[in-house]
Amino acid sequence: MTLVANVAAVGAVATYSIPARACLYGTWHVQCPVGHVDTVTEGTCQHKCEECGRQVFSGNVVTVVWRNGHPNRITTGAGDSQHVTRHYICPTCKTDCCLG
């Protein structure tokens, strides 16, 4: 293998060995796949339902619920502080799903 091929192969392995992390920053209502809603504060990159123990994130997708109960399945940013989801405007009521 050439040096370029070796570097590309190492880069591909390194890329796939790092787990993807989804992050929300602030206070949010998040919904598990069964429908239970938890409140997370100070943000989260992964969260297990407090009632049933299921993971609420599916990769970088999570369902956030606005105060009025509107569920919104959103794609969050990666675990990099520049790409963390801090706000999401509910398409139903046009208000921010982040509670603070």
PDB file of N, CA and C in Angstrom:
ATOM      1  N   MET A   1       0.844  -1.191   0.000  1.00  0.00           N
ATOM      2  CA  MET A   1       0.000   0.000   0.000  1.00  0.00           C
ATOM      3  C   MET A   1       0.884   1.248   0.000  1.00  0.00           C
ATOM      4  N   THR A   2       0.396   2.252  -0.628  1.00  0.00           N
ATOM      5  CA  THR A   2       1.119   3.521  -0.628  1.00  0.00           C
ATOM      6  C   THR A   2       0.852   4.249   0.676  1.00  0.00           C
ATOM      7  N   LEU A   3       1.651   5.253   0.944  1.00  0.00           N
ATOM      8  CA  LEU A   3       1.484   6.051   2.159  1.00  0.00           C
ATOM      9  C   LEU A   3       0.097   6.694   2.194  1.00  0.00           C
ATOM     10  N   VAL A   4      -0.366   7.204   1.075  1.00  0.00           N
ATOM     11  CA  VAL A   4      -1.689   7.841   1.019  1.00  0.00           C
ATOM     12  C   VAL A   4      -2.783   6.825   1.338  1.00  0.00           C
ATOM     13  N   ALA A   5      -2.674   5.621   0.798  1.00  0.00           N
ATOM     14  CA  ALA A   5      -3.665   4.582   1.061  1.00  0.00           C
ATOM     15  C   ALA A   5      -3.659   4.184   2.534  1.00  0.00           C
ATOM     16  N   ASN A   6      -2.458   4.084   3.127  1.00  0.00           N
ATOM     17  CA  ASN A   6      -2.356   3.749   4.552  1.00  0.00           C
ATOM     18  C   ASN A   6      -3.011   4.818   5.418  1.00  0.00           C
ATOM     19  N   VAL A   7      -2.731   6.075   5.118  1.00  0.00           N
ATOM     20  CA  VAL A   7      -3.306   7.184   5.893  1.00  0.00           C
ATOM     21  C   VAL A   7      -4.828   7.183   5.733  1.00  0.00           C
ATOM     22  N   ALA A   8      -5.325   6.962   4.519  1.00  0.00           N
ATOM     23  CA  ALA A   8      -6.774   6.926   4.285  1.00  0.00           C
ATOM     24  C   ALA A   8      -7.414   5.780   5.056  1.00  0.00           C
ATOM     25  N   ALA A   9      -6.775   4.619   5.074  1.00  0.00           N
ATOM     26  CA  ALA A   9      -7.322   3.469   5.786  1.00  0.00           C
ATOM     27  C   ALA A   9      -7.362   3.732   7.287  1.00  0.00           C
ATOM     28  N   VAL A  10      -6.327   4.321   7.845  1.00  0.00           N
ATOM     29  CA  VAL A  10      -6.296   4.645   9.278  1.00  0.00           C
ATOM     30  C   VAL A  10      -7.363   5.679   9.591  1.00  0.00           C
ATOM     31  N   GLY A  11      -7.511   6.694   8.726  1.00  0.00           N
ATOM     32  CA  GLY A  11      -8.534   7.720   8.940  1.00  0.00           C
ATOM     33  C   GLY A  11      -9.928   7.142   8.927  1.00  0.00           C
ATOM     34  N   ALA A  12     -10.191   6.184   8.037  1.00  0.00           N
ATOM     35  CA  ALA A  12     -11.512   5.555   7.958  1.00  0.00           C
ATOM     36  C   ALA A  12     -11.800   4.761   9.224  1.00  0.00           C
ATOM     37  N   VAL A  13     -10.822   4.032   9.735  1.00  0.00           N
ATOM     38  CA  VAL A  13     -11.002   3.255  10.959  1.00  0.00           C
ATOM     39  C   VAL A  13     -11.233   4.195  12.131  1.00  0.00           C
ATOM     40  N   ALA A  14     -10.468   5.270  12.224  1.00  0.00           N
ATOM     41  CA  ALA A  14     -10.629   6.222  13.321  1.00  0.00           C
ATOM     42  C   ALA A  14     -11.995   6.882  13.271  1.00  0.00           C
ATOM     43  N   THR A  15     -12.464   7.196  12.093  1.00  0.00           N
ATOM     44  CA  THR A  15     -13.763   7.845  11.945  1.00  0.00           C
ATOM     45  C   THR A  15     -14.889   6.939  12.436  1.00  0.00           C
ATOM     46  N   TYR A  16     -14.855   5.660  12.099  1.00  0.00           N
ATOM     47  CA  TYR A  16     -15.932   4.764  12.471  1.00  0.00           C
ATOM     48  C   TYR A  16     -15.817   4.227  13.887  1.00  0.00           C
ATOM     49  N   SER A  17     -14.691   4.379  14.538  1.00  0.00           N
ATOM     50  CA  SER A  17     -14.542   3.860  15.894  1.00  0.00           C
ATOM     51  C   SER A  17     -14.986   4.867  16.948  1.00  0.00           C
ATOM     52  N   ILE A  18     -15.231   6.104  16.560  1.00  0.00           N
ATOM     53  CA  ILE A  18     -15.676   7.125  17.503  1.00  0.00           C
ATOM     54  C   ILE A  18     -17.204   7.141  17.495  1.00  0.00           C
ATOM     55  N   PRO A  19     -17.847   6.908  18.647  1.00  0.00           N
ATOM     56  CA  PRO A  19     -19.307   6.879  18.654  1.00  0.00           C
ATOM     57  C   PRO A  19     -19.897   8.259  18.424  1.00  0.00           C
ATOM     58  N   ALA A  20     -20.993   8.323  17.671  1.00  0.00           N
ATOM     59  CA  ALA A  20     -21.675   9.597  17.449  1.00  0.00           C
ATOM     60  C   ALA A  20     -22.385   9.999  18.726  1.00  0.00           C
ATOM     61  N   ARG A  21     -22.363  11.271  19.026  1.00  0.00           N
ATOM     62  CA  ARG A  21     -23.042  11.770  20.213  1.00  0.00           C
ATOM     63  C   ARG A  21     -23.967  12.902  19.812  1.00  0.00           C
ATOM     64  N   ALA A  22     -25.179  12.822  20.260  1.00  0.00           N
ATOM     65  CA  ALA A  22     -26.147  13.881  20.019  1.00  0.00           C
ATOM     66  C   ALA A  22     -26.258  14.693  21.291  1.00  0.00           C
ATOM     67  N   CYS A  23     -26.400  15.992  21.157  1.00  0.00           N
ATOM     68  CA  CYS A  23     -26.448  16.820  22.353  1.00  0.00           C
ATOM     69  C   CYS A  23     -27.522  17.896  22.275  1.00  0.00           C
ATOM     70  N   LEU A  24     -28.184  18.078  23.392  1.00  0.00           N
ATOM     71  CA  LEU A  24     -29.091  19.196  23.603  1.00  0.00           C
ATOM     72  C   LEU A  24     -28.495  20.000  24.747  1.00  0.00           C
ATOM     73  N   TYR A  25     -28.563  21.309  24.694  1.00  0.00           N
ATOM     74  CA  TYR A  25     -28.065  22.136  25.782  1.00  0.00           C
ATOM     75  C   TYR A  25     -29.223  22.935  26.346  1.00  0.00           C
ATOM     76  N   GLY A  26     -29.354  22.955  27.643  1.00  0.00           N
ATOM     77  CA  GLY A  26     -30.431  23.685  28.302  1.00  0.00           C
ATOM     78  C   GLY A  26     -31.418  22.713  28.923  1.00  0.00           C
ATOM     79  N   THR A  27     -32.621  23.181  29.179  1.00  0.00           N
ATOM     80  CA  THR A  27     -33.670  22.369  29.781  1.00  0.00           C
ATOM     81  C   THR A  27     -34.675  21.990  28.697  1.00  0.00           C
ATOM     82  N   TRP A  28     -34.945  20.690  28.583  1.00  0.00           N
ATOM     83  CA  TRP A  28     -35.816  20.157  27.536  1.00  0.00           C
ATOM     84  C   TRP A  28     -36.718  19.078  28.112  1.00  0.00           C
ATOM     85  N   HIS A  29     -37.882  18.891  27.503  1.00  0.00           N
ATOM     86  CA  HIS A  29     -38.708  17.704  27.729  1.00  0.00           C
ATOM     87  C   HIS A  29     -38.352  16.760  26.584  1.00  0.00           C
ATOM     88  N   VAL A  30     -37.917  15.546  26.905  1.00  0.00           N
ATOM     89  CA  VAL A  30     -37.575  14.559  25.882  1.00  0.00           C
ATOM     90  C   VAL A  30     -38.481  13.352  26.045  1.00  0.00           C
ATOM     91  N   GLN A  31     -38.819  12.720  24.912  1.00  0.00           N
ATOM     92  CA  GLN A  31     -39.759  11.602  24.920  1.00  0.00           C
ATOM     93  C   GLN A  31     -39.069  10.317  24.489  1.00  0.00           C
ATOM     94  N   CYS A  32     -39.294   9.244  25.253  1.00  0.00           N
ATOM     95  CA  CYS A  32     -38.732   7.942  24.902  1.00  0.00           C
ATOM     96  C   CYS A  32     -39.592   7.302  23.812  1.00  0.00           C
ATOM     97  N   PRO A  33     -39.129   6.207  23.206  1.00  0.00           N
ATOM     98  CA  PRO A  33     -39.897   5.552  22.142  1.00  0.00           C
ATOM     99  C   PRO A  33     -41.283   5.067  22.579  1.00  0.00           C
ATOM    100  N   VAL A  34     -41.477   4.813  23.875  1.00  0.00           N
ATOM    101  CA  VAL A  34     -42.766   4.333  24.380  1.00  0.00           C
ATOM    102  C   VAL A  34     -43.730   5.504  24.618  1.00  0.00           C
ATOM    103  N   GLY A  35     -43.189   6.716  24.778  1.00  0.00           N
ATOM    104  CA  GLY A  35     -44.034   7.888  24.982  1.00  0.00           C
ATOM    105  C   GLY A  35     -43.885   8.576  26.323  1.00  0.00           C
ATOM    106  N   HIS A  36     -43.055   8.043  27.220  1.00  0.00           N
ATOM    107  CA  HIS A  36     -42.813   8.707  28.496  1.00  0.00           C
ATOM    108  C   HIS A  36     -42.017   9.988  28.247  1.00  0.00           C
ATOM    109  N   VAL A  37     -42.287  11.031  29.026  1.00  0.00           N
ATOM    110  CA  VAL A  37     -41.597  12.307  28.858  1.00  0.00           C
ATOM    111  C   VAL A  37     -40.816  12.626  30.127  1.00  0.00           C
ATOM    112  N   ASP A  38     -39.530  12.893  29.964  1.00  0.00           N
ATOM    113  CA  ASP A  38     -38.654  13.313  31.066  1.00  0.00           C
ATOM    114  C   ASP A  38     -38.218  14.749  30.835  1.00  0.00           C
ATOM    115  N   THR A  39     -37.885  15.437  31.918  1.00  0.00           N
ATOM    116  CA  THR A  39     -37.283  16.758  31.818  1.00  0.00           C
ATOM    117  C   THR A  39     -35.799  16.606  32.074  1.00  0.00           C
ATOM    118  N   VAL A  40     -34.984  17.084  31.138  1.00  0.00           N
ATOM    119  CA  VAL A  40     -33.539  17.090  31.339  1.00  0.00           C
ATOM    120  C   VAL A  40     -33.113  18.535  31.529  1.00  0.00           C
ATOM    121  N   THR A  41     -32.211  18.745  32.463  1.00  0.00           N
ATOM    122  CA  THR A  41     -31.721  20.093  32.746  1.00  0.00           C
ATOM    123  C   THR A  41     -30.232  20.149  32.483  1.00  0.00           C
ATOM    124  N   GLU A  42     -29.749  21.309  32.160  1.00  0.00           N
ATOM    125  CA  GLU A  42     -28.332  21.541  31.884  1.00  0.00           C
ATOM    126  C   GLU A  42     -27.851  20.766  30.673  1.00  0.00           C
ATOM    127  N   GLY A  43     -28.770  20.284  29.855  1.00  0.00           N
ATOM    128  CA  GLY A  43     -28.390  19.610  28.621  1.00  0.00           C
ATOM    129  C   GLY A  43     -28.104  18.140  28.809  1.00  0.00           C
ATOM    130  N   THR A  44     -28.008  17.451  27.676  1.00  0.00           N
ATOM    131  CA  THR A  44     -27.716  16.023  27.687  1.00  0.00           C
ATOM    132  C   THR A  44     -27.179  15.607  26.323  1.00  0.00           C
ATOM    133  N   CYS A  45     -26.322  14.618  26.332  1.00  0.00           N
ATOM    134  CA  CYS A  45     -25.837  14.036  25.085  1.00  0.00           C
ATOM    135  C   CYS A  45     -26.451  12.665  24.864  1.00  0.00           C
ATOM    136  N   GLN A  46     -26.963  12.052  25.882  1.00  0.00           N
ATOM    137  CA  GLN A  46     -27.693  10.784  25.830  1.00  0.00           C
ATOM    138  C   GLN A  46     -28.562  10.762  27.077  1.00  0.00           C
ATOM    139  N   HIS A  47     -29.702  10.128  26.989  1.00  0.00           N
ATOM    140  CA  HIS A  47     -30.589  10.081  28.153  1.00  0.00           C
ATOM    141  C   HIS A  47     -31.413   8.801  28.107  1.00  0.00           C
ATOM    142  N   LYS A  48     -31.473   8.120  29.230  1.00  0.00           N
ATOM    143  CA  LYS A  48     -32.335   6.946  29.360  1.00  0.00           C
ATOM    144  C   LYS A  48     -33.588   7.364  30.115  1.00  0.00           C
ATOM    145  N   CYS A  49     -34.738   6.897  29.625  1.00  0.00           N
ATOM    146  CA  CYS A  49     -36.025   7.203  30.234  1.00  0.00           C
ATOM    147  C   CYS A  49     -36.012   6.818  31.706  1.00  0.00           C
ATOM    148  N   GLU A  50     -36.486   7.729  32.544  1.00  0.00           N
ATOM    149  CA  GLU A  50     -36.498   7.468  33.978  1.00  0.00           C
ATOM    150  C   GLU A  50     -37.535   6.421  34.364  1.00  0.00           C
ATOM    151  N   GLU A  51     -38.543   6.215  33.510  1.00  0.00           N
ATOM    152  CA  GLU A  51     -39.592   5.243  33.824  1.00  0.00           C
ATOM    153  C   GLU A  51     -39.300   3.843  33.293  1.00  0.00           C
ATOM    154  N   CYS A  52     -38.842   3.745  32.029  1.00  0.00           N
ATOM    155  CA  CYS A  52     -38.667   2.415  31.435  1.00  0.00           C
ATOM    156  C   CYS A  52     -37.213   2.073  31.090  1.00  0.00           C
ATOM    157  N   GLY A  53     -36.314   3.048  31.166  1.00  0.00           N
ATOM    158  CA  GLY A  53     -34.901   2.788  30.917  1.00  0.00           C
ATOM    159  C   GLY A  53     -34.480   2.780  29.459  1.00  0.00           C
ATOM    160  N   ARG A  54     -35.417   3.040  28.532  1.00  0.00           N
ATOM    161  CA  ARG A  54     -35.061   3.064  27.108  1.00  0.00           C
ATOM    162  C   ARG A  54     -34.311   4.345  26.774  1.00  0.00           C
ATOM    163  N   GLN A  55     -33.408   4.235  25.820  1.00  0.00           N
ATOM    164  CA  GLN A  55     -32.642   5.376  25.329  1.00  0.00           C
ATOM    165  C   GLN A  55     -33.585   6.288  24.538  1.00  0.00           C
ATOM    166  N   VAL A  56     -33.574   7.596  24.841  1.00  0.00           N
ATOM    167  CA  VAL A  56     -34.455   8.504  24.109  1.00  0.00           C
ATOM    168  C   VAL A  56     -33.837   8.960  22.793  1.00  0.00           C
ATOM    169  N   PHE A  57     -32.514   8.918  22.696  1.00  0.00           N
ATOM    170  CA  PHE A  57     -31.833   9.284  21.455  1.00  0.00           C
ATOM    171  C   PHE A  57     -31.705   8.064  20.553  1.00  0.00           C
ATOM    172  N   SER A  58     -31.855   8.262  19.274  1.00  0.00           N
ATOM    173  CA  SER A  58     -31.570   7.243  18.277  1.00  0.00           C
ATOM    174  C   SER A  58     -30.509   7.861  17.371  1.00  0.00           C
ATOM    175  N   GLY A  59     -29.238   7.581  17.678  1.00  0.00           N
ATOM    176  CA  GLY A  59     -28.149   8.279  16.997  1.00  0.00           C
ATOM    177  C   GLY A  59     -28.194   9.749  17.404  1.00  0.00           C
ATOM    178  N   ASN A  60     -28.400  10.636  16.433  1.00  0.00           N
ATOM    179  CA  ASN A  60     -28.487  12.052  16.770  1.00  0.00           C
ATOM    180  C   ASN A  60     -29.913  12.587  16.604  1.00  0.00           C
ATOM    181  N   VAL A  61     -30.892  11.679  16.688  1.00  0.00           N
ATOM    182  CA  VAL A  61     -32.300  12.066  16.575  1.00  0.00           C
ATOM    183  C   VAL A  61     -32.976  11.836  17.925  1.00  0.00           C
ATOM    184  N   VAL A  62     -33.784  12.811  18.336  1.00  0.00           N
ATOM    185  CA  VAL A  62     -34.489  12.737  19.615  1.00  0.00           C
ATOM    186  C   VAL A  62     -35.832  13.446  19.454  1.00  0.00           C
ATOM    187  N   THR A  63     -36.827  13.003  20.226  1.00  0.00           N
ATOM    188  CA  THR A  63     -38.115  13.677  20.224  1.00  0.00           C
ATOM    189  C   THR A  63     -38.154  14.620  21.415  1.00  0.00           C
ATOM    190  N   VAL A  64     -38.316  15.907  21.125  1.00  0.00           N
ATOM    191  CA  VAL A  64     -38.475  16.916  22.173  1.00  0.00           C
ATOM    192  C   VAL A  64     -39.944  17.313  22.196  1.00  0.00           C
ATOM    193  N   VAL A  65     -40.425  17.648  23.385  1.00  0.00           N
ATOM    194  CA  VAL A  65     -41.842  17.964  23.552  1.00  0.00           C
ATOM    195  C   VAL A  65     -41.976  19.363  24.120  1.00  0.00           C
ATOM    196  N   TRP A  66     -42.785  20.189  23.455  1.00  0.00           N
ATOM    197  CA  TRP A  66     -43.017  21.548  23.923  1.00  0.00           C
ATOM    198  C   TRP A  66     -43.970  21.524  25.101  1.00  0.00           C
ATOM    199  N   ARG A  67     -44.051  22.608  25.848  1.00  0.00           N
ATOM    200  CA  ARG A  67     -44.918  22.701  27.030  1.00  0.00           C
ATOM    201  C   ARG A  67     -46.364  22.287  26.759  1.00  0.00           C
ATOM    202  N   ASN A  68     -46.859  22.570  25.557  1.00  0.00           N
ATOM    203  CA  ASN A  68     -48.241  22.225  25.218  1.00  0.00           C
ATOM    204  C   ASN A  68     -48.384  20.804  24.708  1.00  0.00           C
ATOM    205  N   GLY A  69     -47.310  20.042  24.734  1.00  0.00           N
ATOM    206  CA  GLY A  69     -47.372  18.638  24.369  1.00  0.00           C
ATOM    207  C   GLY A  69     -47.102  18.320  22.912  1.00  0.00           C
ATOM    208  N   HIS A  70     -46.671  19.288  22.136  1.00  0.00           N
ATOM    209  CA  HIS A  70     -46.364  19.025  20.729  1.00  0.00           C
ATOM    210  C   HIS A  70     -45.042  18.267  20.632  1.00  0.00           C
ATOM    211  N   PRO A  71     -45.038  16.998  20.174  1.00  0.00           N
ATOM    212  CA  PRO A  71     -43.781  16.263  20.011  1.00  0.00           C
ATOM    213  C   PRO A  71     -43.107  16.650  18.695  1.00  0.00           C
ATOM    214  N   ASN A  72     -41.811  16.845  18.739  1.00  0.00           N
ATOM    215  CA  ASN A  72     -41.032  17.188  17.547  1.00  0.00           C
ATOM    216  C   ASN A  72     -39.806  16.300  17.490  1.00  0.00           C
ATOM    217  N   ARG A  73     -39.720  15.475  16.459  1.00  0.00           N
ATOM    218  CA  ARG A  73     -38.551  14.600  16.262  1.00  0.00           C
ATOM    219  C   ARG A  73     -37.511  15.433  15.524  1.00  0.00           C
ATOM    220  N   ILE A  74     -36.386  15.687  16.181  1.00  0.00           N
ATOM    221  CA  ILE A  74     -35.371  16.562  15.613  1.00  0.00           C
ATOM    222  C   ILE A  74     -34.025  15.871  15.519  1.00  0.00           C
ATOM    223  N   THR A  75     -33.206  16.364  14.619  1.00  0.00           N
ATOM    224  CA  THR A  75     -31.822  15.920  14.495  1.00  0.00           C
ATOM    225  C   THR A  75     -30.966  16.932  15.229  1.00  0.00           C
ATOM    226  N   THR A  76     -30.227  16.460  16.215  1.00  0.00           N
ATOM    227  CA  THR A  76     -29.397  17.355  17.025  1.00  0.00           C
ATOM    228  C   THR A  76     -27.998  17.441  16.447  1.00  0.00           C
ATOM    229  N   GLY A  77     -27.224  18.359  16.994  1.00  0.00           N
ATOM    230  CA  GLY A  77     -25.838  18.497  16.588  1.00  0.00           C
ATOM    231  C   GLY A  77     -24.979  17.425  17.216  1.00  0.00           C
ATOM    232  N   ALA A  78     -23.747  17.343  16.769  1.00  0.00           N
ATOM    233  CA  ALA A  78     -22.780  16.386  17.315  1.00  0.00           C
ATOM    234  C   ALA A  78     -22.309  16.877  18.681  1.00  0.00           C
ATOM    235  N   GLY A  79     -21.477  16.096  19.342  1.00  0.00           N
ATOM    236  CA  GLY A  79     -20.983  16.423  20.668  1.00  0.00           C
ATOM    237  C   GLY A  79     -19.973  17.558  20.701  1.00  0.00           C
ATOM    238  N   ASP A  80     -19.817  18.275  19.640  1.00  0.00           N
ATOM    239  CA  ASP A  80     -18.923  19.426  19.542  1.00  0.00           C
ATOM    240  C   ASP A  80     -19.701  20.649  20.015  1.00  0.00           C
ATOM    241  N   SER A  81     -19.141  21.434  20.938  1.00  0.00           N
ATOM    242  CA  SER A  81     -19.876  22.553  21.525  1.00  0.00           C
ATOM    243  C   SER A  81     -20.346  23.565  20.485  1.00  0.00           C
ATOM    244  N   GLN A  82     -19.741  23.596  19.309  1.00  0.00           N
ATOM    245  CA  GLN A  82     -20.170  24.520  18.268  1.00  0.00           C
ATOM    246  C   GLN A  82     -21.398  23.996  17.528  1.00  0.00           C
ATOM    247  N   HIS A  83     -21.752  22.727  17.701  1.00  0.00           N
ATOM    248  CA  HIS A  83     -22.858  22.134  16.960  1.00  0.00           C
ATOM    249  C   HIS A  83     -23.932  21.540  17.866  1.00  0.00           C
ATOM    250  N   VAL A  84     -23.945  21.907  19.125  1.00  0.00           N
ATOM    251  CA  VAL A  84     -24.939  21.410  20.061  1.00  0.00           C
ATOM    252  C   VAL A  84     -26.255  22.147  19.808  1.00  0.00           C
ATOM    253  N   THR A  85     -27.385  21.421  19.856  1.00  0.00           N
ATOM    254  CA  THR A  85     -28.688  22.043  19.663  1.00  0.00           C
ATOM    255  C   THR A  85     -29.080  22.806  20.922  1.00  0.00           C
ATOM    256  N   ARG A  86     -29.310  24.104  20.771  1.00  0.00           N
ATOM    257  CA  ARG A  86     -29.687  24.962  21.890  1.00  0.00           C
ATOM    258  C   ARG A  86     -31.127  25.456  21.778  1.00  0.00           C
ATOM    259  N   HIS A  87     -31.685  25.430  20.585  1.00  0.00           N
ATOM    260  CA  HIS A  87     -33.046  25.914  20.359  1.00  0.00           C
ATOM    261  C   HIS A  87     -33.685  25.110  19.242  1.00  0.00           C
ATOM    262  N   TYR A  88     -35.013  24.999  19.308  1.00  0.00           N
ATOM    263  CA  TYR A  88     -35.766  24.403  18.217  1.00  0.00           C
ATOM    264  C   TYR A  88     -37.144  25.040  18.228  1.00  0.00           C
ATOM    265  N   ILE A  89     -37.540  25.611  17.120  1.00  0.00           N
ATOM    266  CA  ILE A  89     -38.842  26.255  17.024  1.00  0.00           C
ATOM    267  C   ILE A  89     -39.880  25.215  16.587  1.00  0.00           C
ATOM    268  N   CYS A  90     -40.897  25.026  17.417  1.00  0.00           N
ATOM    269  CA  CYS A  90     -41.965  24.073  17.139  1.00  0.00           C
ATOM    270  C   CYS A  90     -42.730  24.530  15.908  1.00  0.00           C
ATOM    271  N   PRO A  91     -42.859  23.678  14.886  1.00  0.00           N
ATOM    272  CA  PRO A  91     -43.579  24.084  13.690  1.00  0.00           C
ATOM    273  C   PRO A  91     -45.088  24.244  13.923  1.00  0.00           C
ATOM    274  N   THR A  92     -45.620  23.656  14.992  1.00  0.00           N
ATOM    275  CA  THR A  92     -47.045  23.758  15.281  1.00  0.00           C
ATOM    276  C   THR A  92     -47.414  25.100  15.904  1.00  0.00           C
ATOM    277  N   CYS A  93     -46.664  25.492  16.941  1.00  0.00           N
ATOM    278  CA  CYS A  93     -47.022  26.723  17.669  1.00  0.00           C
ATOM    279  C   CYS A  93     -46.001  27.840  17.516  1.00  0.00           C
ATOM    280  N   LYS A  94     -44.924  27.583  16.782  1.00  0.00           N
ATOM    281  CA  LYS A  94     -43.911  28.605  16.458  1.00  0.00           C
ATOM    282  C   LYS A  94     -43.195  29.167  17.684  1.00  0.00           C
ATOM    283  N   THR A  95     -43.045  28.364  18.741  1.00  0.00           N
ATOM    284  CA  THR A  95     -42.288  28.784  19.913  1.00  0.00           C
ATOM    285  C   THR A  95     -41.138  27.810  20.152  1.00  0.00           C
ATOM    286  N   ASP A  96     -40.178  28.250  20.957  1.00  0.00           N
ATOM    287  CA  ASP A  96     -38.971  27.451  21.226  1.00  0.00           C
ATOM    288  C   ASP A  96     -39.279  26.277  22.140  1.00  0.00           C
ATOM    289  N   CYS A  97     -38.834  25.082  21.733  1.00  0.00           N
ATOM    290  CA  CYS A  97     -39.015  23.883  22.565  1.00  0.00           C
ATOM    291  C   CYS A  97     -38.050  23.855  23.745  1.00  0.00           C
ATOM    292  N   CYS A  98     -36.934  24.582  23.661  1.00  0.00           N
ATOM    293  CA  CYS A  98     -35.991  24.640  24.779  1.00  0.00           C
ATOM    294  C   CYS A  98     -36.653  25.447  25.884  1.00  0.00           C
ATOM    295  N   LEU A  99     -36.660  24.906  27.090  1.00  0.00           N
ATOM    296  CA  LEU A  99     -37.339  25.559  28.206  1.00  0.00           C
ATOM    297  C   LEU A  99     -36.447  26.516  28.975  1.00  0.00           C
ATOM    298  N   GLY A 100     -35.196  26.560  28.647  1.00  0.00           N
ATOM    299  CA  GLY A 100     -34.308  27.470  29.360  1.00  0.00           C
ATOM    300  C   GLY A 100     -32.869  27.099  29.259  1.00  0.00           C
TER     301      GLY A 100
END
